[in-house]
Each structure stands twice: as structure tokens, then as C-alpha cells.
Amino acid sequence: MTVNQSATYQQLQLALKKVGCPICQLGQQTGHGYLDSILWESVNDPGTRAKLTESLGFCGRHTRETLTFAGEKLGVAIIQRAVLQEVARRLPVASAMPQRTILQRIQDQWRNQADAPQADSPLNPTCPCPACVQQAAGEKRALHVLLEHLQQDLDEPLRSAGGLCLPHLQDALEECRQPEIAAALIQIQQSVWQELGTHLSEFIRKNDHRFQGEKITEGERAAVDRAVAALTGEYPIR
């Protein structure tokens, strides 16, 4: 199977037909598929249960996503019971440890060290959310394929989709080893962000009472949500 016939390439082509960062889309699809497989067939698997015990289940976002699967609440219940039992087991040890004051927590946040002082707390996960790990792997695969084919046939689809979100643009530039591909990606991003900025400016202007007679276009109205997604990533609102 050649690269341009790979499943990731085909999924990327489909994602680029929608508006929004395609890497976010494929990463979320990977995470969603992983959650589905765990809930459907692996909640009682000893290895899976051990991993979920270490991570104290999934992160908040992926835990809430498990509630969106119709007919799989039994799997959610089994996981959550196991996590509750593990947290309850750790609680006596945690209560005996010295706790940081609110001031100390704020100071740690200022220093960007919020996670470090909590590393030894028994109530913290000892490994990352498994769904986040799978999602990151899916994003990395998609990003690699996008960069490989950007100048061949994915540049215009990416432009039409609105480019990458800022977090995945940063990942792409760190991953890219060919200056010409990086330059092409930057040119696409500058173009789509300039257009987005123009839509935002018009939305702001037309909300001024002096120009309220002018109709706000669909693109200008959508620009507010698109700007948030462009700078922070595509996160489904459920």
C-alpha cells in the first residue's frame, strides 16, 4: 500500500472537506474510537483495568465523552467503580500528607510548576490518560501525512479548510525538516488568518451602532467561533 492510499491519508482528505483543523478532527476520531473499543470489549480486561487504575480513569474531557456512547453505560459504570475504589484506597495515605496552602498553589501556577509539587500525592494519576495518548498518536500520524503531501495535493484543501489550529501549527513546524514545506505551510496560515482577521474586523465594525444597517455576513458571524478554534484547537461542545 502506497502512502497516498493509506487509511490516514484518506481520512485526512475527508477531514479537509470540513472547516477546521484536520489534525484536531483526526485526533478526536482516534480518541473516540479508542474509547468505543474499551467500553465495548475491554473494561474487564486485566491489563486495561490495571492501566486505568494507574491513570485513575480517563481525563475529565474523555471521561465525559464516554457518556456519549449509546448503550455502553455498563462499561462506564465498571470503569468508574474501579476508579472510585482505587481513589478510596489511596485516600487515607493522602490525608496524612502535608497539604499545600492556597497561596502556595497560586505561587506554583505563577511559576508554571503547578504539577510538580503534586507529583507525590497518592490522589494523582501515575500515568497519563490512555485516551489522550491514543489521540496524540493519531494526531502525529495525520500531521506526518499532511506534511508529506502538502505540496502535492493537500495545500489547497488545507487552505479551504482554514489551515491548522495554532497548537498543531506549532507541532507541524517542529516536526517539519524541509524548509520549503515549512514555508508553504506558513504561507497558507498567513493567508487564512488574514482572511479570518478581516471577517473579525467587519463583525466588530458592523456591531457599532453607526453601521448596524449593514448586514453581517455568515462568514463574519462565524469568524468569532472560528478564531477561538484557530487559536486553541477544535474541541467539540457536548
Protein backbone atom coordinates (compact mmCIF):
# COMPACT_ATOMS: atom_id res chain seq x y z
CA MET A 1 0.00 0.00 0.00
CA THR A 2 1.45 3.33 -1.02
CA VAL A 3 1.38 6.27 1.34
CA ASN A 4 -1.26 8.18 -0.65
CA GLN A 5 -3.61 5.18 -0.33
CA SER A 6 -3.16 4.80 3.41
CA ALA A 7 -6.13 4.99 5.73
CA THR A 8 -4.70 8.10 7.37
CA TYR A 9 -4.37 9.86 4.01
CA GLN A 10 -7.95 9.01 3.08
CA GLN A 11 -9.22 10.16 6.47
CA LEU A 12 -7.22 13.37 6.07
CA GLN A 13 -8.83 14.04 2.70
CA LEU A 14 -12.27 13.67 4.26
CA ALA A 15 -11.34 15.90 7.19
CA LEU A 16 -10.10 18.62 4.83
CA LYS A 17 -13.55 18.84 3.26
CA LYS A 18 -14.81 20.30 6.55
CA VAL A 19 -13.98 23.67 8.06
CA GLY A 20 -11.48 23.47 10.91
CA CYS A 21 -8.12 21.98 11.81
CA PRO A 22 -7.96 18.50 10.23
CA ILE A 23 -5.40 17.26 12.76
CA CYS A 24 -7.79 18.05 15.62
CA GLN A 25 -10.52 16.17 13.80
CA LEU A 26 -8.47 13.03 13.20
CA GLY A 27 -7.03 13.06 16.69
CA GLN A 28 -10.52 13.23 18.17
CA GLN A 29 -11.66 10.41 15.90
CA THR A 30 -8.77 8.28 17.13
CA GLY A 31 -9.57 9.04 20.78
CA HIS A 32 -13.28 8.42 20.22
CA GLY A 33 -12.60 5.08 18.53
CA TYR A 34 -10.30 4.04 21.35
CA LEU A 35 -12.94 4.86 23.97
CA ASP A 36 -15.54 2.94 22.00
CA SER A 37 -13.36 -0.17 21.83
CA ILE A 38 -12.53 -0.01 25.54
CA LEU A 39 -16.16 0.39 26.60
CA TRP A 40 -17.41 -2.28 24.22
CA GLU A 41 -14.93 -5.06 24.80
CA SER A 42 -12.09 -4.29 27.23
CA VAL A 43 -13.47 -2.96 30.54
CA ASN A 44 -12.89 -6.34 32.20
CA ASP A 45 -9.51 -6.98 30.61
CA PRO A 46 -6.90 -7.18 33.44
CA GLY A 47 -4.27 -5.20 31.53
CA THR A 48 -6.71 -2.45 30.61
CA ARG A 49 -8.04 -2.26 34.14
CA ALA A 50 -4.52 -2.01 35.55
CA LYS A 51 -3.67 0.87 33.18
CA LEU A 52 -6.91 2.68 34.05
CA THR A 53 -6.16 2.21 37.74
CA GLU A 54 -2.77 3.89 37.32
CA SER A 55 -4.27 6.78 35.34
CA LEU A 56 -7.34 6.99 37.61
CA GLY A 57 -9.51 6.50 34.56
CA PHE A 58 -9.58 8.99 31.73
CA CYS A 59 -9.05 12.75 31.86
CA GLY A 60 -12.11 14.90 32.52
CA ARG A 61 -12.83 15.55 28.84
CA HIS A 62 -12.55 11.91 27.79
CA THR A 63 -14.47 10.69 30.83
CA ARG A 64 -17.38 12.93 29.84
CA GLU A 65 -17.08 11.68 26.29
CA THR A 66 -17.71 8.12 27.49
CA LEU A 67 -21.22 9.24 28.44
CA THR A 68 -21.99 10.00 24.78
CA PHE A 69 -21.84 6.35 23.70
CA ALA A 70 -25.36 4.92 23.48
CA GLY A 71 -25.73 1.52 25.12
CA GLU A 72 -22.31 1.48 26.74
CA LYS A 73 -23.07 2.90 30.19
CA LEU A 74 -22.37 -0.50 31.73
CA GLY A 75 -18.76 -0.18 30.61
CA VAL A 76 -18.60 3.36 32.00
CA ALA A 77 -20.03 2.12 35.30
CA ILE A 78 -17.42 -0.66 35.56
CA ILE A 79 -14.56 1.77 34.92
CA GLN A 80 -15.85 4.42 37.29
CA ARG A 81 -16.41 1.89 40.07
CA ALA A 82 -12.83 0.68 39.71
CA VAL A 83 -11.50 4.25 39.78
CA LEU A 84 -13.61 5.13 42.83
CA GLN A 85 -12.34 2.06 44.64
CA GLU A 86 -8.74 2.99 43.82
CA VAL A 87 -9.20 6.61 44.93
CA ALA A 88 -10.80 5.44 48.18
CA ARG A 89 -7.87 3.07 48.73
CA ARG A 90 -5.38 5.93 48.32
CA LEU A 91 -7.30 8.44 50.41
CA PRO A 92 -6.00 7.51 53.89
CA VAL A 93 -2.41 7.89 52.71
CA ALA A 94 -3.18 11.23 51.06
CA SER A 95 -4.88 12.63 54.15
CA ALA A 96 -1.73 12.01 56.19
CA MET A 97 0.47 14.02 53.83
CA PRO A 98 1.09 17.77 54.30
CA GLN A 99 -1.12 19.84 52.02
CA ARG A 100 -0.09 22.96 50.15
CA THR A 101 -1.84 26.17 51.08
CA ILE A 102 -3.92 28.09 48.58
CA LEU A 103 -1.16 30.72 48.42
CA GLN A 104 1.40 28.05 47.60
CA ARG A 105 -0.83 26.68 44.82
CA ILE A 106 -1.16 30.16 43.29
CA GLN A 107 2.59 30.72 43.51
CA ASP A 108 3.20 27.38 41.79
CA GLN A 109 0.84 28.37 38.98
CA TRP A 110 2.71 31.65 38.53
CA ARG A 111 5.91 29.68 38.19
CA ASN A 112 4.29 27.18 35.79
CA GLN A 113 5.10 24.43 38.27
CA ALA A 114 1.58 23.52 39.32
CA ASP A 115 2.06 19.82 38.59
CA ALA A 116 5.49 19.35 40.18
CA PRO A 117 4.60 19.74 43.88
CA GLN A 118 1.68 17.34 43.48
CA ALA A 119 3.68 14.56 41.88
CA ASP A 120 3.93 12.56 45.11
CA SER A 121 0.25 12.87 46.01
CA PRO A 122 -1.47 9.47 46.09
CA LEU A 123 -4.58 11.08 44.61
CA ASN A 124 -2.77 12.00 41.39
CA PRO A 125 -2.59 9.65 38.38
CA THR A 126 0.71 7.84 37.95
CA CYS A 127 0.37 7.70 34.16
CA PRO A 128 -1.40 9.88 31.55
CA CYS A 129 -4.95 9.40 30.30
CA PRO A 130 -4.81 6.42 27.87
CA ALA A 131 -7.30 8.08 25.51
CA CYS A 132 -5.13 11.21 25.38
CA VAL A 133 -2.12 9.04 24.49
CA GLN A 134 -4.05 7.40 21.65
CA GLN A 135 -5.37 10.74 20.44
CA ALA A 136 -1.88 12.25 20.39
CA ALA A 137 -0.61 9.28 18.39
CA GLY A 138 -3.41 9.75 15.86
CA GLU A 139 -2.61 13.45 15.56
CA LYS A 140 1.06 12.71 14.98
CA ARG A 141 0.28 10.21 12.21
CA ALA A 142 -2.06 12.67 10.50
CA LEU A 143 0.43 15.51 10.79
CA HIS A 144 3.18 13.41 9.23
CA VAL A 145 0.97 12.53 6.24
CA LEU A 146 -0.18 16.14 5.85
CA LEU A 147 3.39 17.45 5.72
CA GLU A 148 4.44 14.73 3.31
CA HIS A 149 1.67 15.56 0.84
CA LEU A 150 1.21 19.27 1.50
CA GLN A 151 2.88 20.46 -1.71
CA GLN A 152 1.50 17.60 -3.79
CA ASP A 153 -2.25 17.84 -3.38
CA LEU A 154 -3.22 18.93 0.13
CA ASP A 155 -2.22 22.62 0.10
CA GLU A 156 -5.42 23.99 -1.41
CA PRO A 157 -7.71 21.69 0.62
CA LEU A 158 -5.92 22.86 3.78
CA ARG A 159 -6.37 26.48 2.75
CA SER A 160 -10.09 25.91 2.11
CA ALA A 161 -10.48 24.20 5.49
CA GLY A 162 -8.98 27.20 7.28
CA GLY A 163 -5.49 25.86 7.96
CA LEU A 164 -4.24 24.31 11.18
CA CYS A 165 -5.03 25.46 14.68
CA LEU A 166 -2.16 27.23 16.44
CA PRO A 167 -1.18 24.24 18.65
CA HIS A 168 -0.96 21.90 15.65
CA LEU A 169 0.80 24.53 13.55
CA GLN A 170 3.48 24.67 16.24
CA ASP A 171 3.71 20.85 16.18
CA ALA A 172 3.97 20.89 12.37
CA LEU A 173 6.78 23.44 12.30
CA GLU A 174 8.70 21.48 14.94
CA GLU A 175 8.16 18.25 13.01
CA CYS A 176 8.97 19.64 9.56
CA ARG A 177 12.54 19.16 8.39
CA GLN A 178 12.16 20.62 4.89
CA PRO A 179 12.29 24.45 4.69
CA GLU A 180 10.21 24.61 1.52
CA ILE A 181 7.35 22.69 3.12
CA ALA A 182 7.51 24.85 6.24
CA ALA A 183 7.43 27.95 4.05
CA ALA A 184 4.40 26.65 2.14
CA LEU A 185 2.59 25.92 5.39
CA ILE A 186 3.37 29.37 6.78
CA GLN A 187 2.08 30.99 3.59
CA ILE A 188 -1.20 29.09 3.89
CA GLN A 189 -1.59 30.05 7.52
CA GLN A 190 -0.86 33.72 6.88
CA SER A 191 -3.45 33.75 4.12
CA VAL A 192 -6.27 32.10 6.10
CA TRP A 193 -5.55 34.10 9.24
CA GLN A 194 -5.56 37.36 7.28
CA GLU A 195 -8.98 36.47 5.90
CA LEU A 196 -10.20 35.48 9.36
CA GLY A 197 -8.91 38.75 10.79
CA THR A 198 -10.78 40.68 8.10
CA HIS A 199 -14.01 38.90 8.98
CA LEU A 200 -13.49 39.68 12.66
CA SER A 201 -12.84 43.35 11.91
CA GLU A 202 -16.02 43.58 9.87
CA PHE A 203 -18.03 41.80 12.57
CA ILE A 204 -16.75 44.29 15.14
CA ARG A 205 -17.36 47.27 12.85
CA LYS A 206 -20.90 46.25 11.98
CA ASN A 207 -21.77 45.88 15.64
CA ASP A 208 -21.06 49.59 16.05
CA HIS A 209 -24.38 51.44 16.16
CA ARG A 210 -23.22 53.68 13.31
CA PHE A 211 -23.08 50.71 10.92
CA GLN A 212 -25.87 48.49 12.21
CA GLY A 213 -27.73 48.95 8.94
CA GLU A 214 -25.09 46.83 7.22
CA LYS A 215 -25.81 43.11 7.15
CA ILE A 216 -23.35 40.84 8.93
CA THR A 217 -22.40 38.02 6.58
CA GLU A 218 -22.34 34.35 7.53
CA GLY A 219 -18.54 34.33 7.32
CA GLU A 220 -18.25 37.35 9.60
CA ARG A 221 -20.61 35.86 12.16
CA ALA A 222 -18.81 32.52 12.12
CA ALA A 223 -15.43 34.23 12.47
CA VAL A 224 -15.78 34.59 16.25
CA ASP A 225 -16.07 30.85 16.82
CA ARG A 226 -13.51 30.13 14.11
CA ALA A 227 -10.96 32.45 15.74
CA VAL A 228 -11.33 30.68 19.08
CA ALA A 229 -10.83 27.30 17.40
CA ALA A 230 -7.92 28.60 15.31
CA LEU A 231 -6.01 29.74 18.36
CA THR A 232 -6.89 26.99 20.84
CA GLY A 233 -7.84 23.91 18.81
CA GLU A 234 -11.08 22.24 17.80
CA TYR A 235 -12.94 20.96 20.85
CA PRO A 236 -16.43 19.53 20.39
CA ILE A 237 -19.04 21.18 22.60
CA ARG A 238 -21.28 18.47 24.02
